[in-house]
Amino acid sequence: MTACSHLDSVELTELPEEVDGCPQCLATGDPWCHLRICLTCGQVGCCDSSPNRHASRHAAAESHPIMRSIQPGEDWSWCFVDELALRIPQVSGEPRIPPSPLCP
């Protein structure tokens, strides 16, 4: 089994109480599907099922390897570099988020 080699990049351990949506999509009036949060800096972005894929773009542009889902009931993370799904138990919280404009 492969282990993520980027756990030392995790700086965010407490998720925000509430998120308004994908900030970049909100700024341009674009819809998003699901939301992810960068575990290095806390930037929220939309998932790869969204037209703009802001979470992936952020990870690539900033070299921040791990994003976590902030969808209700989901606690998984994704390392873009190792291409590995994982759970990071030291990250806690479940933000209130608005309904997705694109996905149920």
PDB file of N, CA and C in Angstrom:
ATOM      1  N   MET A   1       0.834  -1.183   0.000  1.00  0.00           N
ATOM      2  CA  MET A   1       0.000   0.000   0.000  1.00  0.00           C
ATOM      3  C   MET A   1       0.878   1.245   0.000  1.00  0.00           C
ATOM      4  N   THR A   2       0.541   2.191  -0.851  1.00  0.00           N
ATOM      5  CA  THR A   2       1.299   3.426  -0.967  1.00  0.00           C
ATOM      6  C   THR A   2       0.822   4.440   0.066  1.00  0.00           C
ATOM      7  N   ALA A   3       1.759   5.138   0.671  1.00  0.00           N
ATOM      8  CA  ALA A   3       1.424   6.177   1.645  1.00  0.00           C
ATOM      9  C   ALA A   3       1.679   7.547   1.023  1.00  0.00           C
ATOM     10  N   CYS A   4       0.921   8.532   1.451  1.00  0.00           N
ATOM     11  CA  CYS A   4       1.116   9.895   0.980  1.00  0.00           C
ATOM     12  C   CYS A   4       2.415  10.437   1.563  1.00  0.00           C
ATOM     13  N   SER A   5       3.231  11.004   0.702  1.00  0.00           N
ATOM     14  CA  SER A   5       4.509  11.554   1.148  1.00  0.00           C
ATOM     15  C   SER A   5       4.429  13.066   1.398  1.00  0.00           C
ATOM     16  N   HIS A   6       3.204  13.617   1.456  1.00  0.00           N
ATOM     17  CA  HIS A   6       3.046  15.064   1.584  1.00  0.00           C
ATOM     18  C   HIS A   6       2.279  15.487   2.840  1.00  0.00           C
ATOM     19  N   LEU A   7       2.163  14.589   3.797  1.00  0.00           N
ATOM     20  CA  LEU A   7       1.416  14.922   5.011  1.00  0.00           C
ATOM     21  C   LEU A   7       2.033  16.083   5.784  1.00  0.00           C
ATOM     22  N   ASP A   8       3.318  16.325   5.581  1.00  0.00           N
ATOM     23  CA  ASP A   8       3.959  17.450   6.269  1.00  0.00           C
ATOM     24  C   ASP A   8       3.474  18.803   5.727  1.00  0.00           C
ATOM     25  N   SER A   9       2.746  18.810   4.608  1.00  0.00           N
ATOM     26  CA  SER A   9       2.212  20.062   4.058  1.00  0.00           C
ATOM     27  C   SER A   9       0.884  20.457   4.707  1.00  0.00           C
ATOM     28  N   VAL A  10       0.296  19.565   5.501  1.00  0.00           N
ATOM     29  CA  VAL A  10      -0.997  19.843   6.136  1.00  0.00           C
ATOM     30  C   VAL A  10      -0.792  20.837   7.273  1.00  0.00           C
ATOM     31  N   GLU A  11      -1.339  22.040   7.092  1.00  0.00           N
ATOM     32  CA  GLU A  11      -1.271  23.081   8.119  1.00  0.00           C
ATOM     33  C   GLU A  11      -2.649  23.404   8.682  1.00  0.00           C
ATOM     34  N   LEU A  12      -3.690  23.128   7.900  1.00  0.00           N
ATOM     35  CA  LEU A  12      -5.057  23.395   8.321  1.00  0.00           C
ATOM     36  C   LEU A  12      -5.606  22.164   9.028  1.00  0.00           C
ATOM     37  N   THR A  13      -5.913  22.288  10.294  1.00  0.00           N
ATOM     38  CA  THR A  13      -6.450  21.141  11.031  1.00  0.00           C
ATOM     39  C   THR A  13      -7.873  21.370  11.513  1.00  0.00           C
ATOM     40  N   GLU A  14      -8.351  22.601  11.465  1.00  0.00           N
ATOM     41  CA  GLU A  14      -9.724  22.924  11.848  1.00  0.00           C
ATOM     42  C   GLU A  14     -10.403  23.591  10.655  1.00  0.00           C
ATOM     43  N   LEU A  15     -11.449  22.951  10.156  1.00  0.00           N
ATOM     44  CA  LEU A  15     -12.166  23.498   9.005  1.00  0.00           C
ATOM     45  C   LEU A  15     -13.005  24.691   9.442  1.00  0.00           C
ATOM     46  N   PRO A  16     -13.264  25.643   8.543  1.00  0.00           N
ATOM     47  CA  PRO A  16     -14.086  26.795   8.909  1.00  0.00           C
ATOM     48  C   PRO A  16     -15.519  26.361   9.239  1.00  0.00           C
ATOM     49  N   GLU A  17     -16.216  27.164  10.018  1.00  0.00           N
ATOM     50  CA  GLU A  17     -17.597  26.836  10.399  1.00  0.00           C
ATOM     51  C   GLU A  17     -18.550  26.936   9.216  1.00  0.00           C
ATOM     52  N   GLU A  18     -18.278  27.867   8.310  1.00  0.00           N
ATOM     53  CA  GLU A  18     -19.182  28.092   7.187  1.00  0.00           C
ATOM     54  C   GLU A  18     -18.392  28.538   5.971  1.00  0.00           C
ATOM     55  N   VAL A  19     -18.841  28.096   4.798  1.00  0.00           N
ATOM     56  CA  VAL A  19     -18.241  28.480   3.522  1.00  0.00           C
ATOM     57  C   VAL A  19     -19.377  28.911   2.610  1.00  0.00           C
ATOM     58  N   ASP A  20     -19.207  30.046   1.923  1.00  0.00           N
ATOM     59  CA  ASP A  20     -20.265  30.587   1.068  1.00  0.00           C
ATOM     60  C   ASP A  20     -20.347  29.908  -0.300  1.00  0.00           C
ATOM     61  N   GLY A  21     -19.320  29.172  -0.673  1.00  0.00           N
ATOM     62  CA  GLY A  21     -19.237  28.545  -1.994  1.00  0.00           C
ATOM     63  C   GLY A  21     -17.816  28.679  -2.508  1.00  0.00           C
ATOM     64  N   CYS A  22     -17.612  28.403  -3.780  1.00  0.00           N
ATOM     65  CA  CYS A  22     -16.298  28.592  -4.390  1.00  0.00           C
ATOM     66  C   CYS A  22     -16.102  30.090  -4.621  1.00  0.00           C
ATOM     67  N   PRO A  23     -15.152  30.729  -3.941  1.00  0.00           N
ATOM     68  CA  PRO A  23     -14.999  32.182  -4.050  1.00  0.00           C
ATOM     69  C   PRO A  23     -14.759  32.659  -5.489  1.00  0.00           C
ATOM     70  N   GLN A  24     -13.974  31.907  -6.246  1.00  0.00           N
ATOM     71  CA  GLN A  24     -13.685  32.319  -7.617  1.00  0.00           C
ATOM     72  C   GLN A  24     -14.946  32.235  -8.478  1.00  0.00           C
ATOM     73  N   CYS A  25     -15.737  31.171  -8.303  1.00  0.00           N
ATOM     74  CA  CYS A  25     -16.988  31.039  -9.057  1.00  0.00           C
ATOM     75  C   CYS A  25     -17.990  32.109  -8.642  1.00  0.00           C
ATOM     76  N   LEU A  26     -18.065  32.389  -7.346  1.00  0.00           N
ATOM     77  CA  LEU A  26     -18.971  33.434  -6.872  1.00  0.00           C
ATOM     78  C   LEU A  26     -18.604  34.788  -7.479  1.00  0.00           C
ATOM     79  N   ALA A  27     -17.301  35.061  -7.598  1.00  0.00           N
ATOM     80  CA  ALA A  27     -16.832  36.342  -8.145  1.00  0.00           C
ATOM     81  C   ALA A  27     -17.198  36.510  -9.615  1.00  0.00           C
ATOM     82  N   THR A  28     -17.247  35.413 -10.350  1.00  0.00           N
ATOM     83  CA  THR A  28     -17.533  35.493 -11.790  1.00  0.00           C
ATOM     84  C   THR A  28     -18.968  35.093 -12.131  1.00  0.00           C
ATOM     85  N   GLY A  29     -19.725  34.661 -11.125  1.00  0.00           N
ATOM     86  CA  GLY A  29     -21.096  34.238 -11.367  1.00  0.00           C
ATOM     87  C   GLY A  29     -21.213  32.850 -11.976  1.00  0.00           C
ATOM     88  N   ASP A  30     -20.150  32.057 -11.885  1.00  0.00           N
ATOM     89  CA  ASP A  30     -20.155  30.704 -12.440  1.00  0.00           C
ATOM     90  C   ASP A  30     -20.684  29.697 -11.423  1.00  0.00           C
ATOM     91  N   PRO A  31     -21.293  28.614 -11.886  1.00  0.00           N
ATOM     92  CA  PRO A  31     -21.752  27.565 -10.972  1.00  0.00           C
ATOM     93  C   PRO A  31     -20.620  26.601 -10.620  1.00  0.00           C
ATOM     94  N   TRP A  32     -20.792  25.887  -9.520  1.00  0.00           N
ATOM     95  CA  TRP A  32     -19.835  24.864  -9.121  1.00  0.00           C
ATOM     96  C   TRP A  32     -20.601  23.616  -8.738  1.00  0.00           C
ATOM     97  N   CYS A  33     -19.868  22.525  -8.594  1.00  0.00           N
ATOM     98  CA  CYS A  33     -20.500  21.266  -8.218  1.00  0.00           C
ATOM     99  C   CYS A  33     -20.245  21.011  -6.730  1.00  0.00           C
ATOM    100  N   HIS A  34     -19.079  20.520  -6.378  1.00  0.00           N
ATOM    101  CA  HIS A  34     -18.729  20.247  -4.981  1.00  0.00           C
ATOM    102  C   HIS A  34     -17.535  21.093  -4.579  1.00  0.00           C
ATOM    103  N   LEU A  35     -17.355  21.232  -3.268  1.00  0.00           N
ATOM    104  CA  LEU A  35     -16.302  22.107  -2.747  1.00  0.00           C
ATOM    105  C   LEU A  35     -15.186  21.314  -2.082  1.00  0.00           C
ATOM    106  N   ARG A  36     -13.971  21.815  -2.250  1.00  0.00           N
ATOM    107  CA  ARG A  36     -12.764  21.244  -1.644  1.00  0.00           C
ATOM    108  C   ARG A  36     -12.014  22.380  -0.943  1.00  0.00           C
ATOM    109  N   ILE A  37     -11.201  22.000   0.047  1.00  0.00           N
ATOM    110  CA  ILE A  37     -10.400  23.000   0.752  1.00  0.00           C
ATOM    111  C   ILE A  37      -8.947  22.546   0.769  1.00  0.00           C
ATOM    112  N   CYS A  38      -8.056  23.481   0.526  1.00  0.00           N
ATOM    113  CA  CYS A  38      -6.617  23.196   0.548  1.00  0.00           C
ATOM    114  C   CYS A  38      -6.181  23.028   2.002  1.00  0.00           C
ATOM    115  N   LEU A  39      -5.507  21.929   2.287  1.00  0.00           N
ATOM    116  CA  LEU A  39      -5.056  21.691   3.663  1.00  0.00           C
ATOM    117  C   LEU A  39      -3.728  22.365   3.969  1.00  0.00           C
ATOM    118  N   THR A  40      -3.165  23.077   2.996  1.00  0.00           N
ATOM    119  CA  THR A  40      -1.976  23.877   3.270  1.00  0.00           C
ATOM    120  C   THR A  40      -2.370  25.289   3.681  1.00  0.00           C
ATOM    121  N   CYS A  41      -3.279  25.919   2.891  1.00  0.00           N
ATOM    122  CA  CYS A  41      -3.582  27.332   3.141  1.00  0.00           C
ATOM    123  C   CYS A  41      -5.046  27.641   3.418  1.00  0.00           C
ATOM    124  N   GLY A  42      -5.936  26.682   3.239  1.00  0.00           N
ATOM    125  CA  GLY A  42      -7.344  26.917   3.511  1.00  0.00           C
ATOM    126  C   GLY A  42      -8.143  27.495   2.360  1.00  0.00           C
ATOM    127  N   GLN A  43      -7.547  27.619   1.186  1.00  0.00           N
ATOM    128  CA  GLN A  43      -8.269  28.125   0.008  1.00  0.00           C
ATOM    129  C   GLN A  43      -9.366  27.138  -0.386  1.00  0.00           C
ATOM    130  N   VAL A  44     -10.577  27.634  -0.558  1.00  0.00           N
ATOM    131  CA  VAL A  44     -11.696  26.804  -1.012  1.00  0.00           C
ATOM    132  C   VAL A  44     -11.786  26.911  -2.520  1.00  0.00           C
ATOM    133  N   GLY A  45     -12.051  25.771  -3.160  1.00  0.00           N
ATOM    134  CA  GLY A  45     -12.224  25.749  -4.607  1.00  0.00           C
ATOM    135  C   GLY A  45     -13.215  24.678  -5.003  1.00  0.00           C
ATOM    136  N   CYS A  46     -13.673  24.765  -6.243  1.00  0.00           N
ATOM    137  CA  CYS A  46     -14.633  23.784  -6.752  1.00  0.00           C
ATOM    138  C   CYS A  46     -13.908  22.548  -7.280  1.00  0.00           C
ATOM    139  N   CYS A  47     -14.635  21.442  -7.301  1.00  0.00           N
ATOM    140  CA  CYS A  47     -14.077  20.135  -7.666  1.00  0.00           C
ATOM    141  C   CYS A  47     -13.883  19.988  -9.179  1.00  0.00           C
ATOM    142  N   ASP A  48     -13.303  18.884  -9.571  1.00  0.00           N
ATOM    143  CA  ASP A  48     -13.047  18.626 -10.986  1.00  0.00           C
ATOM    144  C   ASP A  48     -14.302  18.330 -11.789  1.00  0.00           C
ATOM    145  N   SER A  49     -15.435  18.105 -11.139  1.00  0.00           N
ATOM    146  CA  SER A  49     -16.706  17.969 -11.853  1.00  0.00           C
ATOM    147  C   SER A  49     -17.319  19.336 -12.153  1.00  0.00           C
ATOM    148  N   SER A  50     -16.719  20.381 -11.641  1.00  0.00           N
ATOM    149  CA  SER A  50     -17.159  21.751 -11.894  1.00  0.00           C
ATOM    150  C   SER A  50     -16.461  22.283 -13.146  1.00  0.00           C
ATOM    151  N   PRO A  51     -17.098  23.193 -13.872  1.00  0.00           N
ATOM    152  CA  PRO A  51     -16.484  23.703 -15.098  1.00  0.00           C
ATOM    153  C   PRO A  51     -15.102  24.332 -14.903  1.00  0.00           C
ATOM    154  N   ASN A  52     -14.890  25.032 -13.780  1.00  0.00           N
ATOM    155  CA  ASN A  52     -13.630  25.759 -13.599  1.00  0.00           C
ATOM    156  C   ASN A  52     -12.528  25.000 -12.858  1.00  0.00           C
ATOM    157  N   ARG A  53     -12.881  23.952 -12.160  1.00  0.00           N
ATOM    158  CA  ARG A  53     -11.897  23.110 -11.465  1.00  0.00           C
ATOM    159  C   ARG A  53     -10.904  23.928 -10.614  1.00  0.00           C
ATOM    160  N   HIS A  54     -11.422  24.844  -9.831  1.00  0.00           N
ATOM    161  CA  HIS A  54     -10.551  25.748  -9.074  1.00  0.00           C
ATOM    162  C   HIS A  54      -9.680  25.046  -8.037  1.00  0.00           C
ATOM    163  N   ALA A  55     -10.141  23.973  -7.423  1.00  0.00           N
ATOM    164  CA  ALA A  55      -9.317  23.278  -6.424  1.00  0.00           C
ATOM    165  C   ALA A  55      -8.069  22.682  -7.082  1.00  0.00           C
ATOM    166  N   SER A  56      -8.225  22.010  -8.205  1.00  0.00           N
ATOM    167  CA  SER A  56      -7.070  21.435  -8.915  1.00  0.00           C
ATOM    168  C   SER A  56      -6.129  22.519  -9.411  1.00  0.00           C
ATOM    169  N   ARG A  57      -6.711  23.578  -9.930  1.00  0.00           N
ATOM    170  CA  ARG A  57      -5.879  24.686 -10.435  1.00  0.00           C
ATOM    171  C   ARG A  57      -5.051  25.295  -9.305  1.00  0.00           C
ATOM    172  N   HIS A  58      -5.675  25.460  -8.144  1.00  0.00           N
ATOM    173  CA  HIS A  58      -4.956  25.996  -6.987  1.00  0.00           C
ATOM    174  C   HIS A  58      -3.811  25.066  -6.589  1.00  0.00           C
ATOM    175  N   ALA A  59      -4.096  23.777  -6.513  1.00  0.00           N
ATOM    176  CA  ALA A  59      -3.067  22.804  -6.125  1.00  0.00           C
ATOM    177  C   ALA A  59      -1.869  22.876  -7.062  1.00  0.00           C
ATOM    178  N   ALA A  60      -2.129  22.970  -8.360  1.00  0.00           N
ATOM    179  CA  ALA A  60      -1.047  23.020  -9.348  1.00  0.00           C
ATOM    180  C   ALA A  60      -0.293  24.351  -9.294  1.00  0.00           C
ATOM    181  N   ALA A  61      -1.022  25.451  -9.217  1.00  0.00           N
ATOM    182  CA  ALA A  61      -0.389  26.771  -9.246  1.00  0.00           C
ATOM    183  C   ALA A  61       0.433  27.056  -7.995  1.00  0.00           C
ATOM    184  N   GLU A  62      -0.036  26.585  -6.840  1.00  0.00           N
ATOM    185  CA  GLU A  62       0.618  26.890  -5.570  1.00  0.00           C
ATOM    186  C   GLU A  62       1.497  25.763  -5.039  1.00  0.00           C
ATOM    187  N   SER A  63       1.508  24.641  -5.734  1.00  0.00           N
ATOM    188  CA  SER A  63       2.225  23.445  -5.256  1.00  0.00           C
ATOM    189  C   SER A  63       1.746  23.027  -3.866  1.00  0.00           C
ATOM    190  N   HIS A  64       0.448  23.119  -3.657  1.00  0.00           N
ATOM    191  CA  HIS A  64      -0.192  22.650  -2.423  1.00  0.00           C
ATOM    192  C   HIS A  64      -0.826  21.305  -2.749  1.00  0.00           C
ATOM    193  N   PRO A  65      -0.274  20.227  -2.232  1.00  0.00           N
ATOM    194  CA  PRO A  65      -0.642  18.902  -2.731  1.00  0.00           C
ATOM    195  C   PRO A  65      -1.959  18.300  -2.266  1.00  0.00           C
ATOM    196  N   ILE A  66      -2.456  18.671  -1.073  1.00  0.00           N
ATOM    197  CA  ILE A  66      -3.592  17.936  -0.517  1.00  0.00           C
ATOM    198  C   ILE A  66      -4.819  18.827  -0.357  1.00  0.00           C
ATOM    199  N   MET A  67      -5.927  18.362  -0.913  1.00  0.00           N
ATOM    200  CA  MET A  67      -7.233  19.002  -0.772  1.00  0.00           C
ATOM    201  C   MET A  67      -8.148  18.051  -0.011  1.00  0.00           C
ATOM    202  N   ARG A  68      -9.111  18.604   0.701  1.00  0.00           N
ATOM    203  CA  ARG A  68     -10.094  17.788   1.420  1.00  0.00           C
ATOM    204  C   ARG A  68     -11.489  18.175   0.968  1.00  0.00           C
ATOM    205  N   SER A  69     -12.351  17.203   0.850  1.00  0.00           N
ATOM    206  CA  SER A  69     -13.745  17.478   0.555  1.00  0.00           C
ATOM    207  C   SER A  69     -14.373  18.162   1.758  1.00  0.00           C
ATOM    208  N   ILE A  70     -15.216  19.160   1.493  1.00  0.00           N
ATOM    209  CA  ILE A  70     -15.993  19.762   2.579  1.00  0.00           C
ATOM    210  C   ILE A  70     -17.488  19.573   2.318  1.00  0.00           C
ATOM    211  N   GLN A  71     -17.807  18.571   1.516  1.00  0.00           N
ATOM    212  CA  GLN A  71     -19.207  18.203   1.307  1.00  0.00           C
ATOM    213  C   GLN A  71     -19.742  17.555   2.585  1.00  0.00           C
ATOM    214  N   PRO A  72     -20.989  17.819   2.935  1.00  0.00           N
ATOM    215  CA  PRO A  72     -21.559  17.210   4.146  1.00  0.00           C
ATOM    216  C   PRO A  72     -21.404  15.685   4.133  1.00  0.00           C
ATOM    217  N   GLY A  73     -20.911  15.162   5.246  1.00  0.00           N
ATOM    218  CA  GLY A  73     -20.756  13.717   5.394  1.00  0.00           C
ATOM    219  C   GLY A  73     -19.492  13.135   4.780  1.00  0.00           C
ATOM    220  N   GLU A  74     -18.687  13.958   4.112  1.00  0.00           N
ATOM    221  CA  GLU A  74     -17.450  13.450   3.504  1.00  0.00           C
ATOM    222  C   GLU A  74     -16.248  13.907   4.317  1.00  0.00           C
ATOM    223  N   ASP A  75     -15.291  12.995   4.515  1.00  0.00           N
ATOM    224  CA  ASP A  75     -14.087  13.346   5.281  1.00  0.00           C
ATOM    225  C   ASP A  75     -12.814  12.893   4.594  1.00  0.00           C
ATOM    226  N   TRP A  76     -12.870  12.678   3.282  1.00  0.00           N
ATOM    227  CA  TRP A  76     -11.705  12.198   2.552  1.00  0.00           C
ATOM    228  C   TRP A  76     -10.890  13.368   1.998  1.00  0.00           C
ATOM    229  N   SER A  77      -9.632  13.080   1.782  1.00  0.00           N
ATOM    230  CA  SER A  77      -8.712  14.045   1.179  1.00  0.00           C
ATOM    231  C   SER A  77      -8.087  13.407  -0.051  1.00  0.00           C
ATOM    232  N   TRP A  78      -7.475  14.225  -0.877  1.00  0.00           N
ATOM    233  CA  TRP A  78      -6.823  13.755  -2.105  1.00  0.00           C
ATOM    234  C   TRP A  78      -5.467  14.421  -2.234  1.00  0.00           C
ATOM    235  N   CYS A  79      -4.426  13.623  -2.420  1.00  0.00           N
ATOM    236  CA  CYS A  79      -3.096  14.147  -2.707  1.00  0.00           C
ATOM    237  C   CYS A  79      -2.932  14.142  -4.217  1.00  0.00           C
ATOM    238  N   PHE A  80      -2.832  15.328  -4.802  1.00  0.00           N
ATOM    239  CA  PHE A  80      -2.684  15.456  -6.254  1.00  0.00           C
ATOM    240  C   PHE A  80      -1.348  14.905  -6.732  1.00  0.00           C
ATOM    241  N   VAL A  81      -0.311  15.030  -5.937  1.00  0.00           N
ATOM    242  CA  VAL A  81       1.023  14.579  -6.348  1.00  0.00           C
ATOM    243  C   VAL A  81       1.103  13.057  -6.345  1.00  0.00           C
ATOM    244  N   ASP A  82       0.689  12.444  -5.248  1.00  0.00           N
ATOM    245  CA  ASP A  82       0.758  10.983  -5.131  1.00  0.00           C
ATOM    246  C   ASP A  82      -0.450  10.280  -5.764  1.00  0.00           C
ATOM    247  N   GLU A  83      -1.455  11.089  -6.192  1.00  0.00           N
ATOM    248  CA  GLU A  83      -2.697  10.544  -6.747  1.00  0.00           C
ATOM    249  C   GLU A  83      -3.276   9.481  -5.817  1.00  0.00           C
ATOM    250  N   LEU A  84      -3.531   9.929  -4.588  1.00  0.00           N
ATOM    251  CA  LEU A  84      -3.918   9.016  -3.528  1.00  0.00           C
ATOM    252  C   LEU A  84      -5.034   9.629  -2.676  1.00  0.00           C
ATOM    253  N   ALA A  85      -6.096   8.869  -2.463  1.00  0.00           N
ATOM    254  CA  ALA A  85      -7.152   9.273  -1.535  1.00  0.00           C
ATOM    255  C   ALA A  85      -6.764   8.825  -0.139  1.00  0.00           C
ATOM    256  N   LEU A  86      -7.075   9.637   0.856  1.00  0.00           N
ATOM    257  CA  LEU A  86      -6.718   9.302   2.228  1.00  0.00           C
ATOM    258  C   LEU A  86      -7.628  10.046   3.198  1.00  0.00           C
ATOM    259  N   ARG A  87      -7.630   9.592   4.423  1.00  0.00           N
ATOM    260  CA  ARG A  87      -8.306  10.291   5.507  1.00  0.00           C
ATOM    261  C   ARG A  87      -7.224  10.819   6.448  1.00  0.00           C
ATOM    262  N   ILE A  88      -7.388  12.053   6.869  1.00  0.00           N
ATOM    263  CA  ILE A  88      -6.418  12.682   7.752  1.00  0.00           C
ATOM    264  C   ILE A  88      -7.145  13.002   9.057  1.00  0.00           C
ATOM    265  N   PRO A  89      -6.995  12.146  10.073  1.00  0.00           N
ATOM    266  CA  PRO A  89      -7.801  12.274  11.289  1.00  0.00           C
ATOM    267  C   PRO A  89      -7.589  13.560  12.069  1.00  0.00           C
ATOM    268  N   GLN A  90      -6.449  14.214  11.928  1.00  0.00           N
ATOM    269  CA  GLN A  90      -6.223  15.438  12.700  1.00  0.00           C
ATOM    270  C   GLN A  90      -6.976  16.642  12.132  1.00  0.00           C
ATOM    271  N   VAL A  91      -7.602  16.507  10.958  1.00  0.00           N
ATOM    272  CA  VAL A  91      -8.419  17.575  10.389  1.00  0.00           C
ATOM    273  C   VAL A  91      -9.855  17.367  10.854  1.00  0.00           C
ATOM    274  N   SER A  92     -10.426  18.384  11.508  1.00  0.00           N
ATOM    275  CA  SER A  92     -11.772  18.224  12.054  1.00  0.00           C
ATOM    276  C   SER A  92     -12.677  19.369  11.635  1.00  0.00           C
ATOM    277  N   GLY A  93     -13.953  19.130  11.796  1.00  0.00           N
ATOM    278  CA  GLY A  93     -14.957  20.129  11.470  1.00  0.00           C
ATOM    279  C   GLY A  93     -15.758  19.730  10.244  1.00  0.00           C
ATOM    280  N   GLU A  94     -16.939  20.320  10.135  1.00  0.00           N
ATOM    281  CA  GLU A  94     -17.786  20.112   8.966  1.00  0.00           C
ATOM    282  C   GLU A  94     -18.485  21.437   8.670  1.00  0.00           C
ATOM    283  N   PRO A  95     -17.945  22.201   7.741  1.00  0.00           N
ATOM    284  CA  PRO A  95     -18.515  23.517   7.447  1.00  0.00           C
ATOM    285  C   PRO A  95     -19.940  23.438   6.906  1.00  0.00           C
ATOM    286  N   ARG A  96     -20.711  24.456   7.236  1.00  0.00           N
ATOM    287  CA  ARG A  96     -22.003  24.625   6.576  1.00  0.00           C
ATOM    288  C   ARG A  96     -21.706  25.214   5.207  1.00  0.00           C
ATOM    289  N   ILE A  97     -22.304  24.617   4.179  1.00  0.00           N
ATOM    290  CA  ILE A  97     -22.097  25.110   2.818  1.00  0.00           C
ATOM    291  C   ILE A  97     -23.453  25.243   2.131  1.00  0.00           C
ATOM    292  N   PRO A  98     -23.532  26.127   1.110  1.00  0.00           N
ATOM    293  CA  PRO A  98     -24.797  26.245   0.386  1.00  0.00           C
ATOM    294  C   PRO A  98     -24.976  25.063  -0.569  1.00  0.00           C
ATOM    295  N   PRO A  99     -26.202  24.828  -1.017  1.00  0.00           N
ATOM    296  CA  PRO A  99     -26.416  23.775  -2.003  1.00  0.00           C
ATOM    297  C   PRO A  99     -25.640  24.076  -3.281  1.00  0.00           C
ATOM    298  N   SER A 100     -25.185  23.043  -3.925  1.00  0.00           N
ATOM    299  CA  SER A 100     -24.455  23.182  -5.184  1.00  0.00           C
ATOM    300  C   SER A 100     -25.388  23.677  -6.289  1.00  0.00           C
ATOM    301  N   PRO A 101     -24.943  24.646  -7.088  1.00  0.00           N
ATOM    302  CA  PRO A 101     -25.758  25.082  -8.225  1.00  0.00           C
ATOM    303  C   PRO A 101     -25.816  24.025  -9.345  1.00  0.00           C
ATOM    304  N   LEU A 102     -24.867  23.087  -9.363  1.00  0.00           N
ATOM    305  CA  LEU A 102     -24.792  22.110 -10.455  1.00  0.00           C
ATOM    306  C   LEU A 102     -25.110  20.668 -10.070  1.00  0.00           C
ATOM    307  N   CYS A 103     -24.707  20.258  -8.891  1.00  0.00           N
ATOM    308  CA  CYS A 103     -24.798  18.843  -8.518  1.00  0.00           C
ATOM    309  C   CYS A 103     -25.699  18.665  -7.291  1.00  0.00           C
ATOM    310  N   PRO A 104     -26.399  17.543  -7.233  1.00  0.00           N
ATOM    311  CA  PRO A 104     -27.252  17.291  -6.052  1.00  0.00           C
ATOM    312  C   PRO A 104     -26.440  16.996  -4.809  1.00  0.00           C
TER     313      PRO A 104
END
